[in-house]
Amino acid sequence: MRHGRKKWMLQSVAALGLGMANLAQAQGDSSSSWEKGFANPPAKARPHVWWHWMNGNVDADGARRDLDWMAASGIAEAHIFEGGMGTPTIIPQRRTYMSPQWQEVLRASVDQAGKRDMTLGIATSPGWSATGGPWVKPEDAMKKLVWSETLVDGGSPLQLSLPQPPSVAGPFQDVPFAMVSTGPTQAPSLYGAVRVLAMPVTAAPLPQPRITVSGGDAPAAATLTNGRFADSFDLPSTADGAWIAYQYDSPQTVRAALAGVPARSGFGTPNPAGHAGGQR
């Protein structure tokens, strides 16, 4: 009995020692696997990057060299993103987005990426609009709401022709793309009436003011009150600064003023010639 118990205990110790040896070996294998995986990670753990094709400045040879560099750097996927941003032509022949020549470069790039065990993705549209493209019909494209205003006396039936809102393709009201863009400004035209809204006016309209501006530009007064944003004028700076003054014969309550001024974006952006768009 005693001998048998001793033998069992010795066997148990031996088994425990063997288990510890196996555990140490497993830990060593795991550590080695982590080190190998870190030094050479699988594709799902490698970086994915944007690949900007700027304004059609792409060709098959340049794309191949880009992919060579990305593969050598350990990149697993490149996501093609066609952008414009007014990028000038820097290759002998620019390839317009989705043209047959552009598609040839795309096809070659997909083939080259596959040979390097890389994955290619592509944005669903050109540029940052996310909805643009010459294949989109005007009725399905992005739209803007435009309006016109008419002040009438209420309390009785009226029969009159309302002025048509602006039908200019552009960012705001009557401001055309040519005034705010350095790139192509051709755009399809689409116009359709939405509805006529009647709203009560509780405050009496302001009387016509006397408008003066720095530099004494007489046409500025008419430009400031004609309701158009595409009309503009230069506001020169004098010794007193650049200013616009509205003068009334009696005190008036003015709760809001709308001004379209030059900016990096929006309806007041100047065009390449430096003309300010729609100062109001």
C-alpha atoms as a PDB file:
ATOM      1  CA  MET A   1       0.000   0.000   0.000  1.00  0.00           C
ATOM      2  CA  ARG A   2       2.685   2.401   0.998  1.00  0.00           C
ATOM      3  CA  HIS A   3       4.816   1.443  -2.003  1.00  0.00           C
ATOM      4  CA  GLY A   4       1.875   1.841  -4.346  1.00  0.00           C
ATOM      5  CA  ARG A   5       1.075   5.279  -2.967  1.00  0.00           C
ATOM      6  CA  LYS A   6       4.679   6.381  -3.359  1.00  0.00           C
ATOM      7  CA  LYS A   7       4.751   5.129  -6.924  1.00  0.00           C
ATOM      8  CA  TRP A   8       1.541   7.053  -7.691  1.00  0.00           C
ATOM      9  CA  MET A   9       2.965  10.205  -6.215  1.00  0.00           C
ATOM     10  CA  LEU A  10       6.126   9.895  -8.260  1.00  0.00           C
ATOM     11  CA  GLN A  11       4.092   9.373 -11.396  1.00  0.00           C
ATOM     12  CA  SER A  12       2.014  12.425 -10.613  1.00  0.00           C
ATOM     13  CA  VAL A  13       5.103  14.574 -10.150  1.00  0.00           C
ATOM     14  CA  ALA A  14       6.515  13.304 -13.387  1.00  0.00           C
ATOM     15  CA  ALA A  15       3.276  14.110 -15.188  1.00  0.00           C
ATOM     16  CA  LEU A  16       3.259  17.589 -13.654  1.00  0.00           C
ATOM     17  CA  GLY A  17       6.797  18.209 -14.783  1.00  0.00           C
ATOM     18  CA  LEU A  18       5.939  17.124 -18.319  1.00  0.00           C
ATOM     19  CA  GLY A  19       2.924  19.442 -18.333  1.00  0.00           C
ATOM     20  CA  MET A  20       5.064  22.417 -17.284  1.00  0.00           C
ATOM     21  CA  ALA A  21       7.526  21.605 -20.044  1.00  0.00           C
ATOM     22  CA  ASN A  22       4.693  21.558 -22.614  1.00  0.00           C
ATOM     23  CA  LEU A  23       3.340  24.872 -21.252  1.00  0.00           C
ATOM     24  CA  ALA A  24       6.735  26.510 -21.574  1.00  0.00           C
ATOM     25  CA  GLN A  25       7.046  25.238 -25.135  1.00  0.00           C
ATOM     26  CA  ALA A  26       3.541  26.542 -25.969  1.00  0.00           C
ATOM     27  CA  GLN A  27       4.399  29.957 -24.541  1.00  0.00           C
ATOM     28  CA  GLY A  28       7.569  30.005 -26.602  1.00  0.00           C
ATOM     29  CA  ASP A  29       5.666  29.104 -29.777  1.00  0.00           C
ATOM     30  CA  SER A  30       3.067  31.801 -29.058  1.00  0.00           C
ATOM     31  CA  SER A  31       5.713  34.451 -28.489  1.00  0.00           C
ATOM     32  CA  SER A  32       7.463  33.450 -31.701  1.00  0.00           C
ATOM     33  CA  SER A  33       4.137  33.606 -33.585  1.00  0.00           C
ATOM     34  CA  TRP A  34       3.416  37.114 -32.259  1.00  0.00           C
ATOM     35  CA  GLU A  35       6.870  38.310 -33.252  1.00  0.00           C
ATOM     36  CA  LYS A  36       6.527  36.868 -36.736  1.00  0.00           C
ATOM     37  CA  GLY A  37       3.039  38.316 -37.090  1.00  0.00           C
ATOM     38  CA  PHE A  38       4.228  41.748 -36.019  1.00  0.00           C
ATOM     39  CA  ALA A  39       7.183  41.679 -38.413  1.00  0.00           C
ATOM     40  CA  ASN A  40       5.054  40.371 -41.280  1.00  0.00           C
ATOM     41  CA  PRO A  41       1.359  41.027 -40.482  1.00  0.00           C
ATOM     42  CA  PRO A  42      -1.431  39.407 -42.482  1.00  0.00           C
ATOM     43  CA  ALA A  43      -3.240  41.454 -45.122  1.00  0.00           C
ATOM     44  CA  LYS A  44      -6.212  42.151 -42.811  1.00  0.00           C
ATOM     45  CA  ALA A  45      -3.861  43.884 -40.353  1.00  0.00           C
ATOM     46  CA  ARG A  46      -1.983  45.982 -42.907  1.00  0.00           C
ATOM     47  CA  PRO A  47      -2.748  49.650 -43.677  1.00  0.00           C
ATOM     48  CA  HIS A  48      -5.388  50.717 -46.193  1.00  0.00           C
ATOM     49  CA  VAL A  49      -4.790  54.103 -47.859  1.00  0.00           C
ATOM     50  CA  TRP A  50      -6.456  56.712 -50.067  1.00  0.00           C
ATOM     51  CA  TRP A  51      -4.985  56.828 -53.573  1.00  0.00           C
ATOM     52  CA  HIS A  52      -5.852  60.226 -55.050  1.00  0.00           C
ATOM     53  CA  TRP A  53      -6.032  60.433 -58.835  1.00  0.00           C
ATOM     54  CA  MET A  54      -6.030  64.212 -59.156  1.00  0.00           C
ATOM     55  CA  ASN A  55      -7.960  65.692 -62.059  1.00  0.00           C
ATOM     56  CA  GLY A  56      -7.146  62.920 -64.528  1.00  0.00           C
ATOM     57  CA  ASN A  57      -3.357  63.118 -64.040  1.00  0.00           C
ATOM     58  CA  VAL A  58      -2.934  59.320 -64.258  1.00  0.00           C
ATOM     59  CA  ASP A  59      -1.253  56.903 -66.613  1.00  0.00           C
ATOM     60  CA  ALA A  60      -0.521  53.174 -66.454  1.00  0.00           C
ATOM     61  CA  ASP A  61       3.210  53.533 -65.833  1.00  0.00           C
ATOM     62  CA  GLY A  62       2.792  56.057 -63.022  1.00  0.00           C
ATOM     63  CA  ALA A  63       0.061  53.926 -61.417  1.00  0.00           C
ATOM     64  CA  ARG A  64       2.305  50.840 -61.585  1.00  0.00           C
ATOM     65  CA  ARG A  65       5.131  52.671 -59.833  1.00  0.00           C
ATOM     66  CA  ASP A  66       2.733  53.909 -57.152  1.00  0.00           C
ATOM     67  CA  LEU A  67       1.601  50.333 -56.548  1.00  0.00           C
ATOM     68  CA  ASP A  68       5.218  49.133 -56.410  1.00  0.00           C
ATOM     69  CA  TRP A  69       5.947  51.660 -53.663  1.00  0.00           C
ATOM     70  CA  MET A  70       2.771  50.831 -51.732  1.00  0.00           C
ATOM     71  CA  ALA A  71       3.422  47.083 -51.885  1.00  0.00           C
ATOM     72  CA  ALA A  72       7.036  47.570 -50.755  1.00  0.00           C
ATOM     73  CA  SER A  73       5.753  49.691 -47.858  1.00  0.00           C
ATOM     74  CA  GLY A  74       3.421  46.934 -46.647  1.00  0.00           C
ATOM     75  CA  ILE A  75       0.143  48.505 -47.758  1.00  0.00           C
ATOM     76  CA  ALA A  76      -2.626  45.969 -48.354  1.00  0.00           C
ATOM     77  CA  GLU A  77      -5.306  48.099 -50.033  1.00  0.00           C
ATOM     78  CA  ALA A  78      -5.528  51.356 -51.947  1.00  0.00           C
ATOM     79  CA  HIS A  79      -8.831  53.183 -52.328  1.00  0.00           C
ATOM     80  CA  ILE A  80      -8.915  55.196 -55.564  1.00  0.00           C
ATOM     81  CA  PHE A  81     -10.412  58.645 -55.123  1.00  0.00           C
ATOM     82  CA  GLU A  82     -10.726  60.945 -58.131  1.00  0.00           C
ATOM     83  CA  GLY A  83     -10.466  64.604 -57.130  1.00  0.00           C
ATOM     84  CA  GLY A  84     -10.212  67.899 -58.988  1.00  0.00           C
ATOM     85  CA  MET A  85      -9.333  70.900 -56.831  1.00  0.00           C
ATOM     86  CA  GLY A  86      -8.172  72.784 -59.930  1.00  0.00           C
ATOM     87  CA  THR A  87      -5.095  70.558 -60.273  1.00  0.00           C
ATOM     88  CA  PRO A  88      -3.237  71.539 -63.467  1.00  0.00           C
ATOM     89  CA  THR A  89      -2.297  69.020 -66.148  1.00  0.00           C
ATOM     90  CA  ILE A  90       1.135  67.595 -65.259  1.00  0.00           C
ATOM     91  CA  ILE A  91       1.284  64.624 -67.645  1.00  0.00           C
ATOM     92  CA  PRO A  92       1.370  64.668 -71.456  1.00  0.00           C
ATOM     93  CA  GLN A  93      -2.260  63.533 -71.766  1.00  0.00           C
ATOM     94  CA  ARG A  94      -4.805  64.011 -68.990  1.00  0.00           C
ATOM     95  CA  ARG A  95      -7.410  61.243 -68.725  1.00  0.00           C
ATOM     96  CA  THR A  96     -10.877  62.506 -67.828  1.00  0.00           C
ATOM     97  CA  TYR A  97     -12.767  60.552 -65.196  1.00  0.00           C
ATOM     98  CA  MET A  98     -14.560  57.499 -66.665  1.00  0.00           C
ATOM     99  CA  SER A  99     -13.244  58.176 -70.176  1.00  0.00           C
ATOM    100  CA  PRO A 100     -12.070  55.066 -72.106  1.00  0.00           C
ATOM    101  CA  GLN A 101      -8.445  56.084 -71.481  1.00  0.00           C
ATOM    102  CA  TRP A 102      -9.120  56.501 -67.748  1.00  0.00           C
ATOM    103  CA  GLN A 103     -10.781  53.089 -67.616  1.00  0.00           C
ATOM    104  CA  GLU A 104      -7.745  51.525 -69.295  1.00  0.00           C
ATOM    105  CA  VAL A 105      -5.515  52.837 -66.492  1.00  0.00           C
ATOM    106  CA  LEU A 106      -8.007  51.553 -63.914  1.00  0.00           C
ATOM    107  CA  ARG A 107      -8.082  48.103 -65.534  1.00  0.00           C
ATOM    108  CA  ALA A 108      -4.282  47.938 -65.623  1.00  0.00           C
ATOM    109  CA  SER A 109      -4.086  49.066 -61.989  1.00  0.00           C
ATOM    110  CA  VAL A 110      -6.485  46.328 -60.869  1.00  0.00           C
ATOM    111  CA  ASP A 111      -4.323  43.762 -62.679  1.00  0.00           C
ATOM    112  CA  GLN A 112      -1.104  45.133 -61.167  1.00  0.00           C
ATOM    113  CA  ALA A 113      -2.615  45.217 -57.666  1.00  0.00           C
ATOM    114  CA  GLY A 114      -3.662  41.573 -57.965  1.00  0.00           C
ATOM    115  CA  LYS A 115      -0.101  40.560 -58.871  1.00  0.00           C
ATOM    116  CA  ARG A 116       1.059  42.187 -55.631  1.00  0.00           C
ATOM    117  CA  ASP A 117      -1.668  40.565 -53.489  1.00  0.00           C
ATOM    118  CA  MET A 118      -3.196  43.988 -52.938  1.00  0.00           C
ATOM    119  CA  THR A 119      -6.858  44.987 -52.958  1.00  0.00           C
ATOM    120  CA  LEU A 120      -8.199  48.025 -54.799  1.00  0.00           C
ATOM    121  CA  GLY A 121     -11.285  50.005 -53.829  1.00  0.00           C
ATOM    122  CA  ILE A 122     -12.866  52.938 -55.629  1.00  0.00           C
ATOM    123  CA  ALA A 123     -15.193  55.774 -54.622  1.00  0.00           C
ATOM    124  CA  THR A 124     -18.708  55.660 -56.027  1.00  0.00           C
ATOM    125  CA  SER A 125     -18.398  59.087 -57.667  1.00  0.00           C
ATOM    126  CA  PRO A 126     -15.820  61.661 -58.752  1.00  0.00           C
ATOM    127  CA  GLY A 127     -14.736  64.203 -56.186  1.00  0.00           C
ATOM    128  CA  TRP A 128     -16.211  65.224 -52.864  1.00  0.00           C
ATOM    129  CA  SER A 129     -19.763  65.754 -54.125  1.00  0.00           C
ATOM    130  CA  ALA A 130     -20.555  62.050 -53.605  1.00  0.00           C
ATOM    131  CA  THR A 131     -23.390  62.389 -56.126  1.00  0.00           C
ATOM    132  CA  GLY A 132     -21.789  63.933 -59.181  1.00  0.00           C
ATOM    133  CA  GLY A 133     -21.129  62.614 -62.645  1.00  0.00           C
ATOM    134  CA  PRO A 134     -22.151  63.342 -66.238  1.00  0.00           C
ATOM    135  CA  TRP A 135     -24.328  60.208 -66.233  1.00  0.00           C
ATOM    136  CA  VAL A 136     -26.642  61.684 -63.551  1.00  0.00           C
ATOM    137  CA  LYS A 137     -29.717  63.267 -65.139  1.00  0.00           C
ATOM    138  CA  PRO A 138     -30.518  66.840 -64.040  1.00  0.00           C
ATOM    139  CA  GLU A 139     -33.771  65.756 -62.387  1.00  0.00           C
ATOM    140  CA  ASP A 140     -31.818  63.253 -60.252  1.00  0.00           C
ATOM    141  CA  ALA A 141     -28.901  65.549 -59.427  1.00  0.00           C
ATOM    142  CA  MET A 142     -28.384  67.863 -56.463  1.00  0.00           C
ATOM    143  CA  LYS A 143     -30.642  70.903 -56.470  1.00  0.00           C
ATOM    144  CA  LYS A 144     -30.994  74.220 -54.703  1.00  0.00           C
ATOM    145  CA  LEU A 145     -34.096  76.124 -53.650  1.00  0.00           C
ATOM    146  CA  VAL A 146     -34.479  79.612 -55.114  1.00  0.00           C
ATOM    147  CA  TRP A 147     -37.146  82.202 -54.465  1.00  0.00           C
ATOM    148  CA  SER A 148     -38.559  85.609 -55.320  1.00  0.00           C
ATOM    149  CA  GLU A 149     -40.564  87.919 -53.096  1.00  0.00           C
ATOM    150  CA  THR A 150     -43.518  90.209 -53.816  1.00  0.00           C
ATOM    151  CA  LEU A 151     -45.101  92.543 -51.268  1.00  0.00           C
ATOM    152  CA  VAL A 152     -48.870  92.962 -51.743  1.00  0.00           C
ATOM    153  CA  ASP A 153     -51.823  94.385 -49.811  1.00  0.00           C
ATOM    154  CA  GLY A 154     -53.962  91.586 -48.403  1.00  0.00           C
ATOM    155  CA  GLY A 155     -57.619  91.338 -47.511  1.00  0.00           C
ATOM    156  CA  SER A 156     -59.003  90.859 -51.017  1.00  0.00           C
ATOM    157  CA  PRO A 157     -58.519  88.536 -54.020  1.00  0.00           C
ATOM    158  CA  LEU A 158     -55.505  89.294 -56.201  1.00  0.00           C
ATOM    159  CA  GLN A 159     -54.633  88.441 -59.764  1.00  0.00           C
ATOM    160  CA  LEU A 160     -51.010  89.137 -60.633  1.00  0.00           C
ATOM    161  CA  SER A 161     -47.944  87.568 -62.218  1.00  0.00           C
ATOM    162  CA  LEU A 162     -45.236  86.718 -59.714  1.00  0.00           C
ATOM    163  CA  PRO A 163     -41.607  87.277 -60.721  1.00  0.00           C
ATOM    164  CA  GLN A 164     -39.847  84.042 -61.561  1.00  0.00           C
ATOM    165  CA  PRO A 165     -37.114  83.004 -59.123  1.00  0.00           C
ATOM    166  CA  PRO A 166     -33.557  82.746 -60.521  1.00  0.00           C
ATOM    167  CA  SER A 167     -32.961  79.809 -62.869  1.00  0.00           C
ATOM    168  CA  VAL A 168     -29.160  80.090 -62.920  1.00  0.00           C
ATOM    169  CA  ALA A 169     -27.116  76.949 -62.166  1.00  0.00           C
ATOM    170  CA  GLY A 170     -24.853  77.936 -59.303  1.00  0.00           C
ATOM    171  CA  PRO A 171     -24.411  77.811 -55.537  1.00  0.00           C
ATOM    172  CA  PHE A 172     -26.924  80.452 -54.379  1.00  0.00           C
ATOM    173  CA  GLN A 173     -29.876  82.280 -55.949  1.00  0.00           C
ATOM    174  CA  ASP A 174     -28.658  84.044 -59.134  1.00  0.00           C
ATOM    175  CA  VAL A 175     -24.904  83.532 -58.556  1.00  0.00           C
ATOM    176  CA  PRO A 176     -23.500  81.407 -61.438  1.00  0.00           C
ATOM    177  CA  PHE A 177     -20.729  78.831 -61.063  1.00  0.00           C
ATOM    178  CA  ALA A 178     -18.417  81.055 -63.134  1.00  0.00           C
ATOM    179  CA  MET A 179     -18.346  83.523 -60.253  1.00  0.00           C
ATOM    180  CA  VAL A 180     -17.227  81.015 -57.637  1.00  0.00           C
ATOM    181  CA  SER A 181     -15.237  78.339 -59.483  1.00  0.00           C
ATOM    182  CA  THR A 182     -11.828  78.194 -61.127  1.00  0.00           C
ATOM    183  CA  GLY A 183     -12.703  74.953 -62.927  1.00  0.00           C
ATOM    184  CA  PRO A 184     -15.227  74.074 -65.631  1.00  0.00           C
ATOM    185  CA  THR A 185     -18.509  75.912 -65.112  1.00  0.00           C
ATOM    186  CA  GLN A 186     -20.794  74.169 -67.599  1.00  0.00           C
ATOM    187  CA  ALA A 187     -23.792  72.691 -65.797  1.00  0.00           C
ATOM    188  CA  PRO A 188     -27.140  71.362 -66.982  1.00  0.00           C
ATOM    189  CA  SER A 189     -30.120  73.597 -66.354  1.00  0.00           C
ATOM    190  CA  LEU A 190     -33.272  72.448 -64.617  1.00  0.00           C
ATOM    191  CA  TYR A 191     -36.080  74.620 -63.275  1.00  0.00           C
ATOM    192  CA  GLY A 192     -39.393  73.710 -61.734  1.00  0.00           C
ATOM    193  CA  ALA A 193     -41.873  75.528 -59.504  1.00  0.00           C
ATOM    194  CA  VAL A 194     -42.347  74.121 -56.017  1.00  0.00           C
ATOM    195  CA  ARG A 195     -45.077  76.245 -54.433  1.00  0.00           C
ATOM    196  CA  VAL A 196     -46.304  79.733 -53.639  1.00  0.00           C
ATOM    197  CA  LEU A 197     -46.284  80.738 -49.984  1.00  0.00           C
ATOM    198  CA  ALA A 198     -48.190  83.660 -48.479  1.00  0.00           C
ATOM    199  CA  MET A 199     -46.992  85.001 -45.146  1.00  0.00           C
ATOM    200  CA  PRO A 200     -48.346  87.965 -43.170  1.00  0.00           C
ATOM    201  CA  VAL A 201     -46.012  90.889 -42.713  1.00  0.00           C
ATOM    202  CA  THR A 202     -46.520  92.336 -39.246  1.00  0.00           C
ATOM    203  CA  ALA A 203     -43.991  95.147 -39.496  1.00  0.00           C
ATOM    204  CA  ALA A 204     -44.206  97.971 -41.984  1.00  0.00           C
ATOM    205  CA  PRO A 205     -41.444  97.911 -44.612  1.00  0.00           C
ATOM    206  CA  LEU A 206     -38.558 100.244 -44.027  1.00  0.00           C
ATOM    207  CA  PRO A 207     -38.592 103.504 -45.972  1.00  0.00           C
ATOM    208  CA  GLN A 208     -36.102 103.908 -48.766  1.00  0.00           C
ATOM    209  CA  PRO A 209     -32.798 105.055 -47.216  1.00  0.00           C
ATOM    210  CA  ARG A 210     -30.094 107.283 -48.615  1.00  0.00           C
ATOM    211  CA  ILE A 211     -27.138 104.985 -49.214  1.00  0.00           C
ATOM    212  CA  THR A 212     -23.571 106.189 -49.391  1.00  0.00           C
ATOM    213  CA  VAL A 213     -20.386 104.172 -49.582  1.00  0.00           C
ATOM    214  CA  SER A 214     -16.715 104.835 -49.133  1.00  0.00           C
ATOM    215  CA  GLY A 215     -15.283 106.193 -52.351  1.00  0.00           C
ATOM    216  CA  GLY A 216     -18.642 107.688 -53.382  1.00  0.00           C
ATOM    217  CA  ASP A 217     -19.605 105.009 -55.932  1.00  0.00           C
ATOM    218  CA  ALA A 218     -23.091 106.149 -57.032  1.00  0.00           C
ATOM    219  CA  PRO A 219     -24.189 102.828 -58.666  1.00  0.00           C
ATOM    220  CA  ALA A 220     -23.507 101.008 -55.388  1.00  0.00           C
ATOM    221  CA  ALA A 221     -26.842 102.117 -53.904  1.00  0.00           C
ATOM    222  CA  ALA A 222     -28.836 100.490 -56.701  1.00  0.00           C
ATOM    223  CA  THR A 223     -26.739  97.337 -56.522  1.00  0.00           C
ATOM    224  CA  LEU A 224     -27.358  97.044 -52.789  1.00  0.00           C
ATOM    225  CA  THR A 225     -31.143  97.172 -53.141  1.00  0.00           C
ATOM    226  CA  ASN A 226     -31.986  95.355 -56.381  1.00  0.00           C
ATOM    227  CA  GLY A 227     -32.337  91.930 -54.727  1.00  0.00           C
ATOM    228  CA  ARG A 228     -29.622  90.318 -56.873  1.00  0.00           C
ATOM    229  CA  PHE A 229     -26.527  88.598 -55.512  1.00  0.00           C
ATOM    230  CA  ALA A 230     -24.679  88.201 -58.799  1.00  0.00           C
ATOM    231  CA  ASP A 231     -24.386  91.988 -59.129  1.00  0.00           C
ATOM    232  CA  SER A 232     -21.374  93.370 -57.325  1.00  0.00           C
ATOM    233  CA  PHE A 233     -19.236  96.429 -56.852  1.00  0.00           C
ATOM    234  CA  ASP A 234     -15.830  97.232 -55.384  1.00  0.00           C
ATOM    235  CA  LEU A 235     -15.877  98.888 -51.978  1.00  0.00           C
ATOM    236  CA  PRO A 236     -12.675 100.961 -51.797  1.00  0.00           C
ATOM    237  CA  SER A 237     -10.930 101.726 -48.545  1.00  0.00           C
ATOM    238  CA  THR A 238     -10.399 105.391 -47.663  1.00  0.00           C
ATOM    239  CA  ALA A 239      -8.779 107.167 -44.747  1.00  0.00           C
ATOM    240  CA  ASP A 240     -11.910 106.319 -42.742  1.00  0.00           C
ATOM    241  CA  GLY A 241     -11.854 102.675 -43.853  1.00  0.00           C
ATOM    242  CA  ALA A 242     -14.318 100.844 -46.086  1.00  0.00           C
ATOM    243  CA  TRP A 243     -17.936 101.512 -45.175  1.00  0.00           C
ATOM    244  CA  ILE A 244     -21.580 101.535 -46.250  1.00  0.00           C
ATOM    245  CA  ALA A 245     -24.011 103.995 -44.629  1.00  0.00           C
ATOM    246  CA  TYR A 246     -27.821 103.785 -44.611  1.00  0.00           C
ATOM    247  CA  GLN A 247     -29.438 107.061 -43.573  1.00  0.00           C
ATOM    248  CA  TYR A 248     -33.134 107.458 -42.682  1.00  0.00           C
ATOM    249  CA  ASP A 249     -35.093 110.624 -41.983  1.00  0.00           C
ATOM    250  CA  SER A 250     -36.284 109.208 -38.669  1.00  0.00           C
ATOM    251  CA  PRO A 251     -35.127 106.463 -36.263  1.00  0.00           C
ATOM    252  CA  GLN A 252     -35.856 102.949 -37.562  1.00  0.00           C
ATOM    253  CA  THR A 253     -35.691  99.485 -36.021  1.00  0.00           C
ATOM    254  CA  VAL A 254     -33.487  97.207 -38.156  1.00  0.00           C
ATOM    255  CA  ARG A 255     -33.385  93.625 -36.904  1.00  0.00           C
ATOM    256  CA  ALA A 256     -31.296  91.970 -39.614  1.00  0.00           C
ATOM    257  CA  ALA A 257     -29.095  92.659 -42.614  1.00  0.00           C
ATOM    258  CA  LEU A 258     -27.878  90.225 -45.233  1.00  0.00           C
ATOM    259  CA  ALA A 259     -24.505  90.700 -46.918  1.00  0.00           C
ATOM    260  CA  GLY A 260     -22.745  88.584 -49.538  1.00  0.00           C
ATOM    261  CA  VAL A 261     -19.021  89.250 -49.249  1.00  0.00           C
ATOM    262  CA  PRO A 262     -15.875  87.605 -50.697  1.00  0.00           C
ATOM    263  CA  ALA A 263     -14.997  84.397 -48.874  1.00  0.00           C
ATOM    264  CA  ARG A 264     -13.183  81.108 -49.440  1.00  0.00           C
ATOM    265  CA  SER A 265     -16.485  79.417 -50.156  1.00  0.00           C
ATOM    266  CA  GLY A 266     -20.125  80.342 -50.549  1.00  0.00           C
ATOM    267  CA  PHE A 267     -22.080  82.733 -52.702  1.00  0.00           C
ATOM    268  CA  GLY A 268     -19.669  85.604 -52.032  1.00  0.00           C
ATOM    269  CA  THR A 269     -16.549  83.907 -53.377  1.00  0.00           C
ATOM    270  CA  PRO A 270     -14.611  85.952 -55.963  1.00  0.00           C
ATOM    271  CA  ASN A 271     -13.877  84.450 -59.340  1.00  0.00           C
ATOM    272  CA  PRO A 272     -10.313  84.187 -60.762  1.00  0.00           C
ATOM    273  CA  ALA A 273     -10.509  87.739 -62.126  1.00  0.00           C
ATOM    274  CA  GLY A 274     -11.028  88.986 -58.590  1.00  0.00           C
ATOM    275  CA  HIS A 275     -14.626  90.205 -58.952  1.00  0.00           C
ATOM    276  CA  ALA A 276     -16.498  89.871 -55.687  1.00  0.00           C
ATOM    277  CA  GLY A 277     -19.708  87.911 -55.987  1.00  0.00           C
ATOM    278  CA  GLY A 278     -22.926  89.446 -54.802  1.00  0.00           C
ATOM    279  CA  GLN A 279     -22.218  92.018 -52.124  1.00  0.00           C
ATOM    280  CA  ARG A 280     -25.482  92.954 -50.498  1.00  0.00           C
END
